[in-house]
Amino acid sequence: MLTCEPITGEVMGDTLTGATIFLTRCHDMAKMHGRSNIQWTNVETRVVMKPVVQLERTGCGIASVAALAGVSYREARRVANRLGIFSGDPTLWSETHHVRRLLTQFGIRPASTEVPFTSWEALPDRALLAVKWHRERDCAFWHWVVFWRGPHGPVVFDSKRALRRHVRTDFGRIKPKWFISVSQI
């Protein structure tokens, strides 16, 4: 079964051409988000996922969803705001329900539970990871990143703006607490 992710030129750096298959489900999803230029996943085009940099200090959840959905940070933030989700809300990085709702809006199914991290090899092909997990005043907080097992090996997309490189392979330095598996609806 073919699936699609709406990918904009802003995220990919250019516009993909040559898509010959039309999937009504994908077209409807793109129209729902105000785009009519259907773009296809890396399965059909050999295009890889790209990291999205957060534009706000606390926007890692929104940026992670944007990377998984193949949209810009601004587009993901626009959809999040429409749902009443704002980057300044501490529950965006201390609870999972906002990110789960936003993923669903982009046609991405999050697993219903968080799974404790055991090893990089045990991760699914795509997942949201909770890293930099810590407690403040009896409340857990973390930084959201995306794990992707791509055609050239596994990578982590870290949206933190201050990083020189947002595609990370320094797995020994990244300490996930748990993950949420994600898949296309």
C-alpha atoms as a PDB file:
ATOM      1  CA  MET A   1       0.000   0.000   0.000  1.00  0.00           C
ATOM      2  CA  LEU A   2       1.359   3.399  -0.942  1.00  0.00           C
ATOM      3  CA  THR A   3       1.233   6.263   1.521  1.00  0.00           C
ATOM      4  CA  CYS A   4       2.069   9.908   1.171  1.00  0.00           C
ATOM      5  CA  GLU A   5       3.299  12.734   3.299  1.00  0.00           C
ATOM      6  CA  PRO A   6       2.662  16.302   2.221  1.00  0.00           C
ATOM      7  CA  ILE A   7       6.128  17.821   1.757  1.00  0.00           C
ATOM      8  CA  THR A   8       6.485  21.476   0.911  1.00  0.00           C
ATOM      9  CA  GLY A   9       9.268  23.098  -1.058  1.00  0.00           C
ATOM     10  CA  GLU A  10      10.121  25.088   2.070  1.00  0.00           C
ATOM     11  CA  VAL A  11      11.056  21.925   3.943  1.00  0.00           C
ATOM     12  CA  MET A  12      12.662  19.996   1.103  1.00  0.00           C
ATOM     13  CA  GLY A  13      14.488  22.888  -0.533  1.00  0.00           C
ATOM     14  CA  ASP A  14      12.890  22.274  -3.903  1.00  0.00           C
ATOM     15  CA  THR A  15       9.727  20.937  -5.455  1.00  0.00           C
ATOM     16  CA  LEU A  16       9.572  17.274  -6.375  1.00  0.00           C
ATOM     17  CA  THR A  17       8.229  16.371  -9.795  1.00  0.00           C
ATOM     18  CA  GLY A  18       7.249  13.250 -11.680  1.00  0.00           C
ATOM     19  CA  ALA A  19       4.699  11.805  -9.268  1.00  0.00           C
ATOM     20  CA  THR A  20       2.468   9.724 -11.520  1.00  0.00           C
ATOM     21  CA  ILE A  21       0.217   8.077  -8.966  1.00  0.00           C
ATOM     22  CA  PHE A  22      -2.731   9.951  -7.567  1.00  0.00           C
ATOM     23  CA  LEU A  23      -3.985   8.896  -4.147  1.00  0.00           C
ATOM     24  CA  THR A  24      -7.298  10.476  -3.215  1.00  0.00           C
ATOM     25  CA  ARG A  25      -6.583  10.131   0.500  1.00  0.00           C
ATOM     26  CA  CYS A  26      -3.320  12.045   0.164  1.00  0.00           C
ATOM     27  CA  HIS A  27      -4.869  14.699  -2.036  1.00  0.00           C
ATOM     28  CA  ASP A  28      -7.630  15.294   0.516  1.00  0.00           C
ATOM     29  CA  MET A  29      -5.072  15.539   3.324  1.00  0.00           C
ATOM     30  CA  ALA A  30      -3.034  18.072   1.376  1.00  0.00           C
ATOM     31  CA  LYS A  31      -6.129  20.136   0.577  1.00  0.00           C
ATOM     32  CA  MET A  32      -7.127  20.044   4.234  1.00  0.00           C
ATOM     33  CA  HIS A  33      -3.811  21.724   5.087  1.00  0.00           C
ATOM     34  CA  GLY A  34      -4.057  24.275   2.271  1.00  0.00           C
ATOM     35  CA  ARG A  35      -1.665  22.608  -0.167  1.00  0.00           C
ATOM     36  CA  SER A  36      -2.489  21.264  -3.591  1.00  0.00           C
ATOM     37  CA  ASN A  37       1.046  20.226  -4.608  1.00  0.00           C
ATOM     38  CA  ILE A  38       1.047  16.543  -3.696  1.00  0.00           C
ATOM     39  CA  GLN A  39       4.473  15.203  -2.808  1.00  0.00           C
ATOM     40  CA  TRP A  40       5.375  11.578  -2.202  1.00  0.00           C
ATOM     41  CA  THR A  41       7.292   9.716   0.502  1.00  0.00           C
ATOM     42  CA  ASN A  42      10.859   8.517   0.149  1.00  0.00           C
ATOM     43  CA  VAL A  43       9.499   5.102  -0.892  1.00  0.00           C
ATOM     44  CA  GLU A  44       8.218   6.540  -4.160  1.00  0.00           C
ATOM     45  CA  THR A  45      10.791   9.295  -4.748  1.00  0.00           C
ATOM     46  CA  ARG A  46      13.903   8.251  -2.778  1.00  0.00           C
ATOM     47  CA  VAL A  47      13.637  11.578  -0.907  1.00  0.00           C
ATOM     48  CA  VAL A  48      14.616  11.448   2.732  1.00  0.00           C
ATOM     49  CA  MET A  49      13.040  13.092   5.760  1.00  0.00           C
ATOM     50  CA  LYS A  50      14.489  16.432   6.808  1.00  0.00           C
ATOM     51  CA  PRO A  51      14.892  17.994  10.242  1.00  0.00           C
ATOM     52  CA  VAL A  52      12.829  21.021  11.179  1.00  0.00           C
ATOM     53  CA  VAL A  53      14.338  23.662  13.468  1.00  0.00           C
ATOM     54  CA  GLN A  54      12.144  25.042  16.235  1.00  0.00           C
ATOM     55  CA  LEU A  55      11.545  28.770  15.973  1.00  0.00           C
ATOM     56  CA  GLU A  56      10.659  29.154  19.647  1.00  0.00           C
ATOM     57  CA  ARG A  57      12.665  28.058  22.665  1.00  0.00           C
ATOM     58  CA  THR A  58       9.940  25.649  23.746  1.00  0.00           C
ATOM     59  CA  GLY A  59       8.782  24.476  20.294  1.00  0.00           C
ATOM     60  CA  CYS A  60      10.475  21.067  20.149  1.00  0.00           C
ATOM     61  CA  GLY A  61       7.177  19.134  20.119  1.00  0.00           C
ATOM     62  CA  ILE A  62       5.800  21.201  17.257  1.00  0.00           C
ATOM     63  CA  ALA A  63       9.086  20.933  15.326  1.00  0.00           C
ATOM     64  CA  SER A  64       9.195  17.149  15.815  1.00  0.00           C
ATOM     65  CA  VAL A  65       5.665  16.770  14.463  1.00  0.00           C
ATOM     66  CA  ALA A  66       6.587  19.036  11.534  1.00  0.00           C
ATOM     67  CA  ALA A  67       9.583  16.807  10.676  1.00  0.00           C
ATOM     68  CA  LEU A  68       7.439  13.665  10.776  1.00  0.00           C
ATOM     69  CA  ALA A  69       4.664  15.286   8.718  1.00  0.00           C
ATOM     70  CA  GLY A  70       7.032  16.836   6.175  1.00  0.00           C
ATOM     71  CA  VAL A  71       5.785  20.377   6.755  1.00  0.00           C
ATOM     72  CA  SER A  72       7.445  23.592   7.906  1.00  0.00           C
ATOM     73  CA  TYR A  73       7.561  24.663  11.540  1.00  0.00           C
ATOM     74  CA  ARG A  74       5.240  27.567  10.733  1.00  0.00           C
ATOM     75  CA  GLU A  75       2.653  25.243   9.165  1.00  0.00           C
ATOM     76  CA  ALA A  76       2.760  22.848  12.140  1.00  0.00           C
ATOM     77  CA  ARG A  77       2.510  25.789  14.553  1.00  0.00           C
ATOM     78  CA  ARG A  78      -0.481  27.169  12.615  1.00  0.00           C
ATOM     79  CA  VAL A  79      -2.307  23.825  12.900  1.00  0.00           C
ATOM     80  CA  ALA A  80      -1.293  23.475  16.571  1.00  0.00           C
ATOM     81  CA  ASN A  81      -2.576  26.965  17.404  1.00  0.00           C
ATOM     82  CA  ARG A  82      -5.871  26.172  15.667  1.00  0.00           C
ATOM     83  CA  LEU A  83      -6.147  23.180  18.055  1.00  0.00           C
ATOM     84  CA  GLY A  84      -5.383  25.373  21.079  1.00  0.00           C
ATOM     85  CA  ILE A  85      -1.811  24.065  21.367  1.00  0.00           C
ATOM     86  CA  PHE A  86       0.879  26.691  21.946  1.00  0.00           C
ATOM     87  CA  SER A  87       4.639  26.248  22.328  1.00  0.00           C
ATOM     88  CA  GLY A  88       4.706  28.229  25.584  1.00  0.00           C
ATOM     89  CA  ASP A  89       2.415  25.728  27.293  1.00  0.00           C
ATOM     90  CA  PRO A  90       4.610  23.589  29.605  1.00  0.00           C
ATOM     91  CA  THR A  91       2.299  20.600  29.079  1.00  0.00           C
ATOM     92  CA  LEU A  92       3.614  20.421  25.498  1.00  0.00           C
ATOM     93  CA  TRP A  93       6.898  19.096  26.927  1.00  0.00           C
ATOM     94  CA  SER A  94       5.604  17.512  30.140  1.00  0.00           C
ATOM     95  CA  GLU A  95       2.634  15.543  28.786  1.00  0.00           C
ATOM     96  CA  THR A  96       2.014  13.687  25.525  1.00  0.00           C
ATOM     97  CA  HIS A  97      -1.616  14.413  24.615  1.00  0.00           C
ATOM     98  CA  HIS A  98      -0.920  17.679  22.713  1.00  0.00           C
ATOM     99  CA  VAL A  99       1.717  16.084  20.491  1.00  0.00           C
ATOM    100  CA  ARG A 100      -0.517  13.058  19.893  1.00  0.00           C
ATOM    101  CA  ARG A 101      -3.413  15.311  18.787  1.00  0.00           C
ATOM    102  CA  LEU A 102      -1.136  17.279  16.474  1.00  0.00           C
ATOM    103  CA  LEU A 103       0.310  14.110  14.913  1.00  0.00           C
ATOM    104  CA  THR A 104      -3.207  12.851  14.196  1.00  0.00           C
ATOM    105  CA  GLN A 105      -4.068  16.126  12.428  1.00  0.00           C
ATOM    106  CA  PHE A 106      -1.268  15.377   9.947  1.00  0.00           C
ATOM    107  CA  GLY A 107      -2.357  11.790   9.316  1.00  0.00           C
ATOM    108  CA  ILE A 108       0.202  10.232  11.647  1.00  0.00           C
ATOM    109  CA  ARG A 109      -0.852   7.603  14.177  1.00  0.00           C
ATOM    110  CA  PRO A 110       0.995   7.700  17.495  1.00  0.00           C
ATOM    111  CA  ALA A 111       1.138   4.523  19.563  1.00  0.00           C
ATOM    112  CA  SER A 112      -1.211   4.633  22.523  1.00  0.00           C
ATOM    113  CA  THR A 113       1.533   4.178  25.116  1.00  0.00           C
ATOM    114  CA  GLU A 114       5.074   5.278  25.780  1.00  0.00           C
ATOM    115  CA  VAL A 115       7.641   2.477  25.701  1.00  0.00           C
ATOM    116  CA  PRO A 116      10.742   2.608  27.908  1.00  0.00           C
ATOM    117  CA  PHE A 117      13.917   2.988  25.853  1.00  0.00           C
ATOM    118  CA  THR A 118      16.153  -0.100  25.966  1.00  0.00           C
ATOM    119  CA  SER A 119      18.430   0.219  22.927  1.00  0.00           C
ATOM    120  CA  TRP A 120      18.737   1.986  19.583  1.00  0.00           C
ATOM    121  CA  GLU A 121      18.353  -1.346  17.793  1.00  0.00           C
ATOM    122  CA  ALA A 122      14.995  -1.989  19.505  1.00  0.00           C
ATOM    123  CA  LEU A 123      13.423   1.253  18.234  1.00  0.00           C
ATOM    124  CA  PRO A 124      10.838   1.149  15.438  1.00  0.00           C
ATOM    125  CA  ASP A 125      11.657   2.797  12.093  1.00  0.00           C
ATOM    126  CA  ARG A 126      10.047   6.098  13.170  1.00  0.00           C
ATOM    127  CA  ALA A 127       9.515   7.308  16.720  1.00  0.00           C
ATOM    128  CA  LEU A 128       9.312  10.355  18.928  1.00  0.00           C
ATOM    129  CA  LEU A 129      11.881  10.183  21.708  1.00  0.00           C
ATOM    130  CA  ALA A 130      11.809  11.896  25.097  1.00  0.00           C
ATOM    131  CA  VAL A 131      15.392  13.033  25.820  1.00  0.00           C
ATOM    132  CA  LYS A 132      16.866  15.315  28.487  1.00  0.00           C
ATOM    133  CA  TRP A 133      14.194  13.928  30.779  1.00  0.00           C
ATOM    134  CA  HIS A 134      14.198  15.549  34.228  1.00  0.00           C
ATOM    135  CA  ARG A 135      11.943  16.545  37.113  1.00  0.00           C
ATOM    136  CA  GLU A 136      11.135  20.040  38.297  1.00  0.00           C
ATOM    137  CA  ARG A 137       8.842  20.413  41.328  1.00  0.00           C
ATOM    138  CA  ASP A 138       7.510  16.865  40.964  1.00  0.00           C
ATOM    139  CA  CYS A 139       6.728  17.326  37.273  1.00  0.00           C
ATOM    140  CA  ALA A 140       8.557  15.492  34.474  1.00  0.00           C
ATOM    141  CA  PHE A 141       9.900  17.511  31.526  1.00  0.00           C
ATOM    142  CA  TRP A 142      11.768  16.468  28.393  1.00  0.00           C
ATOM    143  CA  HIS A 143      12.938  17.536  24.952  1.00  0.00           C
ATOM    144  CA  TRP A 144      11.227  15.931  21.938  1.00  0.00           C
ATOM    145  CA  VAL A 145      13.381  14.537  19.101  1.00  0.00           C
ATOM    146  CA  VAL A 146      12.594  12.291  16.121  1.00  0.00           C
ATOM    147  CA  PHE A 147      14.264   8.933  15.474  1.00  0.00           C
ATOM    148  CA  TRP A 148      14.249   7.761  11.873  1.00  0.00           C
ATOM    149  CA  ARG A 149      15.780   4.604  10.430  1.00  0.00           C
ATOM    150  CA  GLY A 150      16.475   6.002   6.959  1.00  0.00           C
ATOM    151  CA  PRO A 151      18.010   4.451   3.842  1.00  0.00           C
ATOM    152  CA  HIS A 152      21.506   5.509   4.943  1.00  0.00           C
ATOM    153  CA  GLY A 153      21.122   4.361   8.541  1.00  0.00           C
ATOM    154  CA  PRO A 154      19.453   5.604  11.704  1.00  0.00           C
ATOM    155  CA  VAL A 155      19.480   9.294  12.646  1.00  0.00           C
ATOM    156  CA  VAL A 156      17.965  11.567  15.257  1.00  0.00           C
ATOM    157  CA  PHE A 157      16.465  14.893  14.187  1.00  0.00           C
ATOM    158  CA  ASP A 158      17.025  17.386  16.994  1.00  0.00           C
ATOM    159  CA  SER A 159      15.153  20.652  16.481  1.00  0.00           C
ATOM    160  CA  LYS A 160      17.117  22.719  19.010  1.00  0.00           C
ATOM    161  CA  ARG A 161      17.981  25.944  17.224  1.00  0.00           C
ATOM    162  CA  ALA A 162      21.417  26.387  18.861  1.00  0.00           C
ATOM    163  CA  LEU A 163      22.774  23.125  17.409  1.00  0.00           C
ATOM    164  CA  ARG A 164      25.185  23.318  14.505  1.00  0.00           C
ATOM    165  CA  ARG A 165      23.803  20.070  13.081  1.00  0.00           C
ATOM    166  CA  HIS A 166      20.227  18.958  13.495  1.00  0.00           C
ATOM    167  CA  VAL A 167      20.797  15.471  12.080  1.00  0.00           C
ATOM    168  CA  ARG A 168      22.532  13.538  14.828  1.00  0.00           C
ATOM    169  CA  THR A 169      24.258  10.175  14.853  1.00  0.00           C
ATOM    170  CA  ASP A 170      26.073  10.601  18.175  1.00  0.00           C
ATOM    171  CA  PHE A 171      23.788   8.067  19.844  1.00  0.00           C
ATOM    172  CA  GLY A 172      26.091   7.604  22.841  1.00  0.00           C
ATOM    173  CA  ARG A 173      25.456  11.219  23.862  1.00  0.00           C
ATOM    174  CA  ILE A 174      21.668  11.068  23.461  1.00  0.00           C
ATOM    175  CA  LYS A 175      19.894   9.568  26.474  1.00  0.00           C
ATOM    176  CA  PRO A 176      16.253   8.712  25.664  1.00  0.00           C
ATOM    177  CA  LYS A 177      13.947   7.890  28.561  1.00  0.00           C
ATOM    178  CA  TRP A 178      11.104   6.471  26.451  1.00  0.00           C
ATOM    179  CA  PHE A 179       9.587   6.653  22.953  1.00  0.00           C
ATOM    180  CA  ILE A 180       6.288   6.784  21.100  1.00  0.00           C
ATOM    181  CA  SER A 181       6.141   4.763  17.906  1.00  0.00           C
ATOM    182  CA  VAL A 182       4.478   6.555  14.974  1.00  0.00           C
ATOM    183  CA  SER A 183       3.022   5.357  11.659  1.00  0.00           C
ATOM    184  CA  GLN A 184       0.890   6.718   8.816  1.00  0.00           C
ATOM    185  CA  ILE A 185      -2.883   6.467   9.291  1.00  0.00           C
END
